[in-house]
Amino acid sequence: SLFIAGNENDTVYQYTLSTAWDVSTASYASKSFSFSSQDTASTGIEFIYDGTIMYASGSGTDTIYQYNLSTAWDVSSASYASKSFSVSLLDGGPRQLYVSPSGDKLWFMGISTDTVYELDLSTGFDISTASYNSVSFSVSSQDSIPTGVFFKNDGSKMYAIGISTDAIYQYSTT
């Protein structure tokens, strides 16, 4: 499946890929979920490894929200888990998120500061237990409007997506 978050209508849409990893074969799965009860400007989504938890960042409230999916990878089965973490003291524009495979860390791209921030989750996959651990990395030398962040599964590489340069940047974390 492919998931797209719409900033204008605060909804995530689900698409089916008839050929795995080939976006040219995508078709709308008639499945969606609205974040509008939590935030009016959703800017990023992330799923845990098994598809049962989804996180959404919202720049209207500068908060990361957590949702449970009663059916794995089916956004129409999502419900708000009443768990969130405000990032307003770090950045006024959280964008894309990435959660570690073990669920003990979550990173988000801050568009206001052009910085990736690392959060520790004291209870795995529970955003309400998040705390900022003073680890961050500025990507402002590469792009002044970064919107995305992603890590290689083993954590050895970080990737940042920038709008002002229309580029993806790779960083070594080791």
N, C-alpha and C. Protein backbone atom coordinates (compact mmCIF):
# COMPACT_ATOMS: atom_id res chain seq x y z
N SER A 1 0.83 -1.20 0.00
CA SER A 1 0.00 0.00 0.00
C SER A 1 0.87 1.25 0.00
N LEU A 2 0.28 2.32 -0.47
CA LEU A 2 0.90 3.64 -0.50
C LEU A 2 -0.04 4.57 0.26
N PHE A 3 0.53 5.45 1.09
CA PHE A 3 -0.27 6.36 1.90
C PHE A 3 0.15 7.78 1.60
N ILE A 4 -0.81 8.67 1.43
CA ILE A 4 -0.55 10.07 1.15
C ILE A 4 -1.35 10.91 2.13
N ALA A 5 -0.67 11.82 2.83
CA ALA A 5 -1.36 12.72 3.76
C ALA A 5 -1.63 14.04 3.06
N GLY A 6 -2.88 14.47 3.11
CA GLY A 6 -3.28 15.73 2.50
C GLY A 6 -3.29 16.85 3.52
N ASN A 7 -2.43 17.86 3.32
CA ASN A 7 -2.33 18.98 4.25
C ASN A 7 -3.55 19.87 4.20
N GLU A 8 -4.15 20.04 3.05
CA GLU A 8 -5.28 20.96 2.90
C GLU A 8 -6.55 20.43 3.55
N ASN A 9 -6.75 19.11 3.54
CA ASN A 9 -7.98 18.56 4.11
C ASN A 9 -7.72 17.63 5.29
N ASP A 10 -6.48 17.57 5.75
CA ASP A 10 -6.12 16.82 6.96
C ASP A 10 -6.57 15.37 6.92
N THR A 11 -6.32 14.73 5.80
CA THR A 11 -6.76 13.36 5.60
C THR A 11 -5.62 12.54 5.01
N VAL A 12 -5.51 11.29 5.46
CA VAL A 12 -4.56 10.35 4.85
C VAL A 12 -5.37 9.43 3.95
N TYR A 13 -4.84 9.21 2.73
CA TYR A 13 -5.49 8.37 1.74
C TYR A 13 -4.65 7.14 1.50
N GLN A 14 -5.32 6.01 1.27
CA GLN A 14 -4.62 4.75 1.05
C GLN A 14 -4.81 4.29 -0.40
N TYR A 15 -3.69 3.87 -1.01
CA TYR A 15 -3.69 3.37 -2.37
C TYR A 15 -3.14 1.95 -2.39
N THR A 16 -3.60 1.16 -3.32
CA THR A 16 -3.12 -0.20 -3.52
C THR A 16 -2.16 -0.20 -4.70
N LEU A 17 -1.06 -0.91 -4.56
CA LEU A 17 -0.10 -1.07 -5.65
C LEU A 17 -0.26 -2.49 -6.20
N SER A 18 -0.68 -2.62 -7.46
CA SER A 18 -0.85 -3.96 -8.02
C SER A 18 0.49 -4.66 -8.22
N THR A 19 1.56 -3.88 -8.40
CA THR A 19 2.92 -4.41 -8.42
C THR A 19 3.69 -3.75 -7.28
N ALA A 20 4.20 -4.56 -6.38
CA ALA A 20 4.89 -4.03 -5.20
C ALA A 20 5.97 -3.03 -5.59
N TRP A 21 6.03 -1.91 -4.89
CA TRP A 21 7.03 -0.86 -5.03
C TRP A 21 6.93 -0.08 -6.34
N ASP A 22 5.91 -0.31 -7.15
CA ASP A 22 5.77 0.38 -8.44
C ASP A 22 4.59 1.35 -8.34
N VAL A 23 4.89 2.65 -8.14
CA VAL A 23 3.82 3.64 -7.93
C VAL A 23 2.98 3.85 -9.19
N SER A 24 3.48 3.47 -10.36
CA SER A 24 2.68 3.63 -11.57
C SER A 24 1.49 2.67 -11.58
N THR A 25 1.48 1.67 -10.69
CA THR A 25 0.37 0.71 -10.61
C THR A 25 -0.59 1.04 -9.48
N ALA A 26 -0.49 2.24 -8.91
CA ALA A 26 -1.33 2.62 -7.77
C ALA A 26 -2.76 2.89 -8.19
N SER A 27 -3.69 2.47 -7.33
CA SER A 27 -5.10 2.80 -7.50
C SER A 27 -5.68 3.10 -6.12
N TYR A 28 -6.60 4.05 -6.07
CA TYR A 28 -7.18 4.46 -4.80
C TYR A 28 -7.94 3.28 -4.19
N ALA A 29 -7.66 2.97 -2.94
CA ALA A 29 -8.27 1.82 -2.25
C ALA A 29 -9.59 2.19 -1.59
N SER A 30 -10.07 3.42 -1.76
CA SER A 30 -11.30 3.91 -1.13
C SER A 30 -11.22 3.82 0.39
N LYS A 31 -10.03 4.10 0.92
CA LYS A 31 -9.81 4.10 2.36
C LYS A 31 -9.11 5.39 2.73
N SER A 32 -9.63 6.02 3.78
CA SER A 32 -9.03 7.28 4.24
C SER A 32 -9.31 7.47 5.72
N PHE A 33 -8.60 8.44 6.30
CA PHE A 33 -8.82 8.79 7.71
C PHE A 33 -8.53 10.27 7.88
N SER A 34 -9.42 10.97 8.57
CA SER A 34 -9.25 12.40 8.80
C SER A 34 -8.61 12.68 10.15
N PHE A 35 -7.60 13.56 10.14
CA PHE A 35 -6.92 14.00 11.37
C PHE A 35 -7.54 15.28 11.93
N SER A 36 -8.54 15.82 11.27
CA SER A 36 -9.02 17.17 11.57
C SER A 36 -9.49 17.38 13.00
N SER A 37 -9.85 16.32 13.71
CA SER A 37 -10.24 16.49 15.12
C SER A 37 -9.05 16.84 16.01
N GLN A 38 -7.83 16.49 15.56
CA GLN A 38 -6.64 16.80 16.33
C GLN A 38 -5.89 18.02 15.80
N ASP A 39 -5.80 18.17 14.48
CA ASP A 39 -5.01 19.25 13.91
C ASP A 39 -5.57 19.64 12.55
N THR A 40 -5.46 20.91 12.23
CA THR A 40 -5.99 21.39 10.96
C THR A 40 -4.91 21.55 9.89
N ALA A 41 -3.71 21.05 10.16
CA ALA A 41 -2.63 21.14 9.17
C ALA A 41 -1.71 19.94 9.32
N SER A 42 -2.21 18.75 8.94
CA SER A 42 -1.37 17.56 9.04
C SER A 42 -0.25 17.64 8.01
N THR A 43 0.96 17.30 8.45
CA THR A 43 2.13 17.50 7.60
C THR A 43 3.01 16.27 7.44
N GLY A 44 2.72 15.19 8.14
CA GLY A 44 3.52 13.98 8.00
C GLY A 44 2.84 12.80 8.66
N ILE A 45 3.09 11.61 8.13
CA ILE A 45 2.59 10.38 8.73
C ILE A 45 3.69 9.35 8.77
N GLU A 46 3.56 8.43 9.70
CA GLU A 46 4.51 7.32 9.85
C GLU A 46 3.79 6.15 10.50
N PHE A 47 4.10 4.94 10.04
CA PHE A 47 3.53 3.72 10.60
C PHE A 47 4.64 2.92 11.28
N ILE A 48 4.28 2.16 12.31
CA ILE A 48 5.26 1.24 12.88
C ILE A 48 5.35 0.03 11.98
N TYR A 49 6.32 -0.82 12.24
CA TYR A 49 6.68 -1.93 11.37
C TYR A 49 5.52 -2.87 11.03
N ASP A 50 4.55 -3.04 11.95
CA ASP A 50 3.48 -4.00 11.69
C ASP A 50 2.17 -3.34 11.25
N GLY A 51 2.17 -2.01 11.09
CA GLY A 51 1.00 -1.31 10.58
C GLY A 51 -0.14 -1.12 11.55
N THR A 52 0.09 -1.32 12.85
CA THR A 52 -0.99 -1.20 13.83
C THR A 52 -1.01 0.16 14.54
N ILE A 53 0.03 0.94 14.37
CA ILE A 53 0.10 2.28 14.96
C ILE A 53 0.55 3.25 13.88
N MET A 54 -0.10 4.41 13.86
CA MET A 54 0.25 5.47 12.92
C MET A 54 0.47 6.74 13.72
N TYR A 55 1.48 7.52 13.33
CA TYR A 55 1.74 8.83 13.92
C TYR A 55 1.46 9.88 12.85
N ALA A 56 0.98 11.02 13.29
CA ALA A 56 0.76 12.15 12.38
C ALA A 56 1.29 13.41 13.04
N SER A 57 2.02 14.20 12.28
CA SER A 57 2.48 15.49 12.79
C SER A 57 1.53 16.56 12.29
N GLY A 58 1.31 17.55 13.13
CA GLY A 58 0.44 18.65 12.76
C GLY A 58 1.09 19.98 13.02
N SER A 59 1.19 20.80 11.99
CA SER A 59 1.82 22.11 12.17
C SER A 59 0.84 23.16 12.68
N GLY A 60 -0.45 22.84 12.71
CA GLY A 60 -1.42 23.76 13.31
C GLY A 60 -1.26 23.83 14.82
N THR A 61 -0.92 22.70 15.43
CA THR A 61 -0.73 22.63 16.89
C THR A 61 0.71 22.30 17.27
N ASP A 62 1.57 22.05 16.28
CA ASP A 62 2.98 21.67 16.51
C ASP A 62 3.06 20.47 17.45
N THR A 63 2.30 19.45 17.08
CA THR A 63 2.16 18.26 17.92
C THR A 63 2.22 17.01 17.06
N ILE A 64 2.73 15.93 17.65
CA ILE A 64 2.71 14.61 17.03
C ILE A 64 1.62 13.81 17.74
N TYR A 65 0.73 13.21 16.95
CA TYR A 65 -0.40 12.44 17.47
C TYR A 65 -0.23 10.97 17.14
N GLN A 66 -0.80 10.12 17.99
CA GLN A 66 -0.72 8.67 17.78
C GLN A 66 -2.12 8.10 17.55
N TYR A 67 -2.20 7.15 16.59
CA TYR A 67 -3.46 6.51 16.23
C TYR A 67 -3.27 4.99 16.23
N ASN A 68 -4.30 4.28 16.64
CA ASN A 68 -4.30 2.82 16.57
C ASN A 68 -5.08 2.38 15.34
N LEU A 69 -4.59 1.35 14.66
CA LEU A 69 -5.31 0.77 13.54
C LEU A 69 -5.78 -0.62 13.96
N SER A 70 -7.10 -0.81 14.03
CA SER A 70 -7.62 -2.11 14.46
C SER A 70 -7.35 -3.19 13.43
N THR A 71 -7.22 -2.81 12.17
CA THR A 71 -6.77 -3.71 11.11
C THR A 71 -5.46 -3.15 10.57
N ALA A 72 -4.41 -3.94 10.69
CA ALA A 72 -3.08 -3.46 10.28
C ALA A 72 -3.10 -2.94 8.85
N TRP A 73 -2.45 -1.79 8.65
CA TRP A 73 -2.27 -1.15 7.36
C TRP A 73 -3.56 -0.68 6.69
N ASP A 74 -4.66 -0.61 7.45
CA ASP A 74 -5.94 -0.15 6.91
C ASP A 74 -6.29 1.17 7.59
N VAL A 75 -6.05 2.30 6.90
CA VAL A 75 -6.25 3.61 7.53
C VAL A 75 -7.71 3.87 7.89
N SER A 76 -8.63 3.21 7.23
CA SER A 76 -10.04 3.41 7.58
C SER A 76 -10.38 2.82 8.94
N SER A 77 -9.48 1.99 9.50
CA SER A 77 -9.70 1.41 10.83
C SER A 77 -8.98 2.20 11.93
N ALA A 78 -8.44 3.37 11.59
CA ALA A 78 -7.68 4.17 12.56
C ALA A 78 -8.59 4.86 13.56
N SER A 79 -8.09 5.02 14.78
CA SER A 79 -8.77 5.80 15.80
C SER A 79 -7.71 6.49 16.66
N TYR A 80 -8.04 7.68 17.13
CA TYR A 80 -7.10 8.45 17.94
C TYR A 80 -6.84 7.71 19.25
N ALA A 81 -5.58 7.51 19.59
CA ALA A 81 -5.19 6.78 20.80
C ALA A 81 -5.14 7.67 22.03
N SER A 82 -5.51 8.94 21.89
CA SER A 82 -5.44 9.92 22.99
C SER A 82 -4.03 10.04 23.54
N LYS A 83 -3.06 9.98 22.63
CA LYS A 83 -1.65 10.11 22.97
C LYS A 83 -1.02 11.11 22.02
N SER A 84 -0.24 12.04 22.59
CA SER A 84 0.40 13.06 21.76
C SER A 84 1.63 13.60 22.45
N PHE A 85 2.42 14.37 21.69
CA PHE A 85 3.60 15.03 22.23
C PHE A 85 3.78 16.35 21.50
N SER A 86 3.82 17.44 22.25
CA SER A 86 4.02 18.76 21.66
C SER A 86 5.50 18.99 21.37
N VAL A 87 5.78 19.46 20.15
CA VAL A 87 7.15 19.78 19.75
C VAL A 87 7.32 21.28 19.58
N SER A 88 6.38 22.06 20.08
CA SER A 88 6.38 23.51 19.86
C SER A 88 7.62 24.20 20.41
N LEU A 89 8.23 23.67 21.45
CA LEU A 89 9.44 24.29 22.00
C LEU A 89 10.67 24.00 21.12
N LEU A 90 10.56 22.99 20.24
CA LEU A 90 11.67 22.63 19.36
C LEU A 90 11.53 23.28 17.98
N ASP A 91 10.31 23.18 17.42
CA ASP A 91 10.10 23.68 16.07
C ASP A 91 8.62 23.99 15.86
N GLY A 92 8.34 25.11 15.20
CA GLY A 92 6.97 25.51 14.94
C GLY A 92 6.40 24.95 13.67
N GLY A 93 7.04 23.95 13.09
CA GLY A 93 6.53 23.37 11.85
C GLY A 93 6.98 21.95 11.66
N PRO A 94 6.52 21.01 12.50
CA PRO A 94 6.94 19.62 12.32
C PRO A 94 6.43 19.06 11.00
N ARG A 95 7.28 18.32 10.33
CA ARG A 95 6.91 17.69 9.06
C ARG A 95 7.02 16.17 9.20
N GLN A 96 7.66 15.52 8.25
CA GLN A 96 7.69 14.07 8.21
C GLN A 96 8.36 13.47 9.44
N LEU A 97 7.93 12.27 9.80
CA LEU A 97 8.39 11.54 10.98
C LEU A 97 9.05 10.23 10.56
N TYR A 98 9.86 9.68 11.46
CA TYR A 98 10.39 8.34 11.28
C TYR A 98 10.54 7.73 12.67
N VAL A 99 10.02 6.52 12.86
CA VAL A 99 10.15 5.83 14.14
C VAL A 99 11.11 4.66 13.96
N SER A 100 11.95 4.42 14.97
CA SER A 100 12.91 3.32 14.88
C SER A 100 12.16 1.98 14.89
N PRO A 101 12.76 0.95 14.31
CA PRO A 101 12.10 -0.37 14.30
C PRO A 101 11.77 -0.89 15.70
N SER A 102 12.57 -0.52 16.70
CA SER A 102 12.32 -0.96 18.07
C SER A 102 11.34 -0.06 18.82
N GLY A 103 11.02 1.09 18.23
CA GLY A 103 10.04 1.99 18.84
C GLY A 103 10.55 2.83 19.98
N ASP A 104 11.86 2.84 20.22
CA ASP A 104 12.38 3.63 21.33
C ASP A 104 12.83 5.03 20.93
N LYS A 105 12.84 5.31 19.61
CA LYS A 105 13.22 6.64 19.13
C LYS A 105 12.28 7.06 18.01
N LEU A 106 12.07 8.37 17.93
CA LEU A 106 11.28 8.95 16.85
C LEU A 106 11.98 10.23 16.42
N TRP A 107 12.11 10.43 15.12
CA TRP A 107 12.73 11.63 14.57
C TRP A 107 11.67 12.38 13.79
N PHE A 108 11.78 13.70 13.76
CA PHE A 108 10.90 14.49 12.91
C PHE A 108 11.69 15.64 12.31
N MET A 109 11.26 16.05 11.13
CA MET A 109 11.88 17.17 10.44
C MET A 109 11.14 18.43 10.86
N GLY A 110 11.90 19.44 11.29
CA GLY A 110 11.32 20.73 11.63
C GLY A 110 11.61 21.73 10.53
N ILE A 111 10.56 22.21 9.89
CA ILE A 111 10.74 23.10 8.75
C ILE A 111 11.10 24.52 9.19
N SER A 112 10.71 24.92 10.39
CA SER A 112 11.02 26.28 10.86
C SER A 112 12.49 26.46 11.18
N THR A 113 13.13 25.39 11.63
CA THR A 113 14.54 25.45 12.02
C THR A 113 15.46 24.67 11.08
N ASP A 114 14.89 24.03 10.04
CA ASP A 114 15.66 23.22 9.09
C ASP A 114 16.48 22.15 9.81
N THR A 115 15.83 21.50 10.77
CA THR A 115 16.55 20.59 11.66
C THR A 115 15.77 19.30 11.88
N VAL A 116 16.51 18.19 11.97
CA VAL A 116 15.96 16.90 12.37
C VAL A 116 16.15 16.78 13.88
N TYR A 117 15.08 16.46 14.59
CA TYR A 117 15.12 16.29 16.04
C TYR A 117 14.89 14.84 16.41
N GLU A 118 15.61 14.37 17.42
CA GLU A 118 15.48 12.99 17.90
C GLU A 118 14.78 12.99 19.25
N LEU A 119 13.75 12.16 19.36
CA LEU A 119 13.01 12.00 20.61
C LEU A 119 13.23 10.59 21.14
N ASP A 120 13.34 10.45 22.45
CA ASP A 120 13.37 9.14 23.10
C ASP A 120 11.96 8.80 23.54
N LEU A 121 11.54 7.56 23.35
CA LEU A 121 10.25 7.07 23.85
C LEU A 121 10.55 6.06 24.94
N SER A 122 10.24 6.41 26.18
CA SER A 122 10.59 5.53 27.30
C SER A 122 9.77 4.24 27.28
N THR A 123 8.58 4.29 26.72
CA THR A 123 7.79 3.09 26.45
C THR A 123 7.70 2.97 24.93
N GLY A 124 8.18 1.86 24.41
CA GLY A 124 8.25 1.69 22.96
C GLY A 124 6.95 1.98 22.25
N PHE A 125 7.03 2.77 21.19
CA PHE A 125 5.92 3.13 20.31
C PHE A 125 4.85 3.99 20.98
N ASP A 126 5.10 4.50 22.17
CA ASP A 126 4.10 5.32 22.89
C ASP A 126 4.57 6.78 22.86
N ILE A 127 3.97 7.59 21.98
CA ILE A 127 4.41 8.98 21.81
C ILE A 127 4.19 9.82 23.06
N SER A 128 3.28 9.42 23.91
CA SER A 128 3.04 10.19 25.14
C SER A 128 4.20 10.08 26.12
N THR A 129 5.12 9.13 25.90
CA THR A 129 6.29 8.98 26.76
C THR A 129 7.54 9.59 26.14
N ALA A 130 7.35 10.40 25.11
CA ALA A 130 8.48 11.01 24.40
C ALA A 130 9.14 12.10 25.22
N SER A 131 10.43 12.27 24.99
CA SER A 131 11.19 13.38 25.55
C SER A 131 12.31 13.72 24.58
N TYR A 132 12.63 14.99 24.51
CA TYR A 132 13.72 15.42 23.63
C TYR A 132 15.04 15.12 24.31
N ASN A 133 15.95 14.44 23.61
CA ASN A 133 17.22 14.02 24.22
C ASN A 133 18.39 14.91 23.82
N SER A 134 18.10 16.12 23.32
CA SER A 134 19.10 17.10 22.93
C SER A 134 19.94 16.70 21.73
N VAL A 135 19.45 15.73 20.94
CA VAL A 135 20.14 15.34 19.72
C VAL A 135 19.37 15.92 18.53
N SER A 136 20.08 16.67 17.71
CA SER A 136 19.46 17.26 16.52
C SER A 136 20.53 17.42 15.45
N PHE A 137 20.07 17.66 14.22
CA PHE A 137 20.99 17.84 13.11
C PHE A 137 20.39 18.82 12.13
N SER A 138 21.10 19.91 11.87
CA SER A 138 20.63 20.91 10.93
C SER A 138 20.95 20.49 9.50
N VAL A 139 19.97 20.65 8.62
CA VAL A 139 20.18 20.38 7.19
C VAL A 139 20.12 21.68 6.40
N SER A 140 20.21 22.81 7.09
CA SER A 140 20.07 24.12 6.43
C SER A 140 21.16 24.38 5.39
N SER A 141 22.33 23.76 5.52
CA SER A 141 23.38 23.94 4.51
C SER A 141 23.01 23.30 3.19
N GLN A 142 22.10 22.33 3.22
CA GLN A 142 21.69 21.66 1.99
C GLN A 142 20.36 22.20 1.45
N ASP A 143 19.42 22.52 2.33
CA ASP A 143 18.11 22.95 1.86
C ASP A 143 17.45 23.85 2.90
N SER A 144 16.82 24.92 2.44
CA SER A 144 16.17 25.86 3.36
C SER A 144 14.70 25.54 3.61
N ILE A 145 14.16 24.54 2.90
CA ILE A 145 12.78 24.12 3.14
C ILE A 145 12.74 22.59 3.17
N PRO A 146 13.33 21.97 4.20
CA PRO A 146 13.31 20.51 4.27
C PRO A 146 11.96 20.02 4.80
N THR A 147 11.47 18.95 4.22
CA THR A 147 10.16 18.46 4.65
C THR A 147 10.15 17.00 5.05
N GLY A 148 11.16 16.23 4.68
CA GLY A 148 11.11 14.81 4.96
C GLY A 148 12.38 14.28 5.58
N VAL A 149 12.23 13.21 6.36
CA VAL A 149 13.36 12.53 6.96
C VAL A 149 13.06 11.03 6.96
N PHE A 150 14.10 10.24 6.68
CA PHE A 150 13.96 8.79 6.67
C PHE A 150 15.32 8.20 7.03
N PHE A 151 15.32 7.03 7.65
CA PHE A 151 16.56 6.35 8.04
C PHE A 151 16.61 4.97 7.42
N LYS A 152 17.81 4.53 7.10
CA LYS A 152 18.03 3.14 6.72
C LYS A 152 17.71 2.29 7.94
N ASN A 153 17.17 1.08 7.74
CA ASN A 153 16.73 0.26 8.87
C ASN A 153 17.80 0.04 9.94
N ASP A 154 19.07 -0.07 9.54
CA ASP A 154 20.11 -0.29 10.53
C ASP A 154 20.60 1.01 11.17
N GLY A 155 20.02 2.15 10.76
CA GLY A 155 20.36 3.44 11.35
C GLY A 155 21.64 4.06 10.84
N SER A 156 22.30 3.44 9.87
CA SER A 156 23.60 3.95 9.41
C SER A 156 23.50 5.13 8.45
N LYS A 157 22.34 5.34 7.86
CA LYS A 157 22.14 6.45 6.92
C LYS A 157 20.86 7.19 7.26
N MET A 158 20.91 8.52 7.09
CA MET A 158 19.74 9.36 7.21
C MET A 158 19.54 10.06 5.88
N TYR A 159 18.28 10.22 5.49
CA TYR A 159 17.94 10.89 4.24
C TYR A 159 17.02 12.06 4.55
N ALA A 160 17.29 13.20 3.93
CA ALA A 160 16.46 14.39 4.08
C ALA A 160 15.98 14.83 2.71
N ILE A 161 14.73 15.24 2.65
CA ILE A 161 14.13 15.71 1.40
C ILE A 161 13.96 17.21 1.49
N GLY A 162 14.39 17.91 0.46
CA GLY A 162 14.30 19.37 0.45
C GLY A 162 13.48 19.89 -0.70
N ILE A 163 12.62 20.87 -0.42
CA ILE A 163 11.78 21.47 -1.46
C ILE A 163 12.52 22.55 -2.24
N SER A 164 13.32 23.37 -1.56
CA SER A 164 13.96 24.48 -2.26
C SER A 164 14.97 24.01 -3.30
N THR A 165 15.55 22.83 -3.12
CA THR A 165 16.49 22.28 -4.10
C THR A 165 15.93 21.09 -4.86
N ASP A 166 14.73 20.63 -4.47
CA ASP A 166 14.12 19.45 -5.10
C ASP A 166 15.10 18.28 -5.09
N ALA A 167 15.67 18.02 -3.93
CA ALA A 167 16.69 16.98 -3.84
C ALA A 167 16.51 16.13 -2.59
N ILE A 168 17.09 14.94 -2.62
CA ILE A 168 17.18 14.05 -1.46
C ILE A 168 18.65 13.99 -1.08
N TYR A 169 18.92 14.21 0.20
CA TYR A 169 20.30 14.21 0.69
C TYR A 169 20.53 13.02 1.59
N GLN A 170 21.70 12.41 1.46
CA GLN A 170 22.07 11.26 2.28
C GLN A 170 23.17 11.68 3.25
N TYR A 171 23.01 11.24 4.51
CA TYR A 171 23.98 11.52 5.56
C TYR A 171 24.39 10.22 6.21
N SER A 172 25.65 10.12 6.58
CA SER A 172 26.13 8.98 7.33
C SER A 172 25.97 9.27 8.82
N THR A 173 25.41 8.31 9.56
CA THR A 173 25.20 8.52 11.00
C THR A 173 26.24 7.81 11.84
N THR A 174 27.14 7.09 11.20
CA THR A 174 28.15 6.35 11.97
C THR A 174 29.51 7.02 11.87
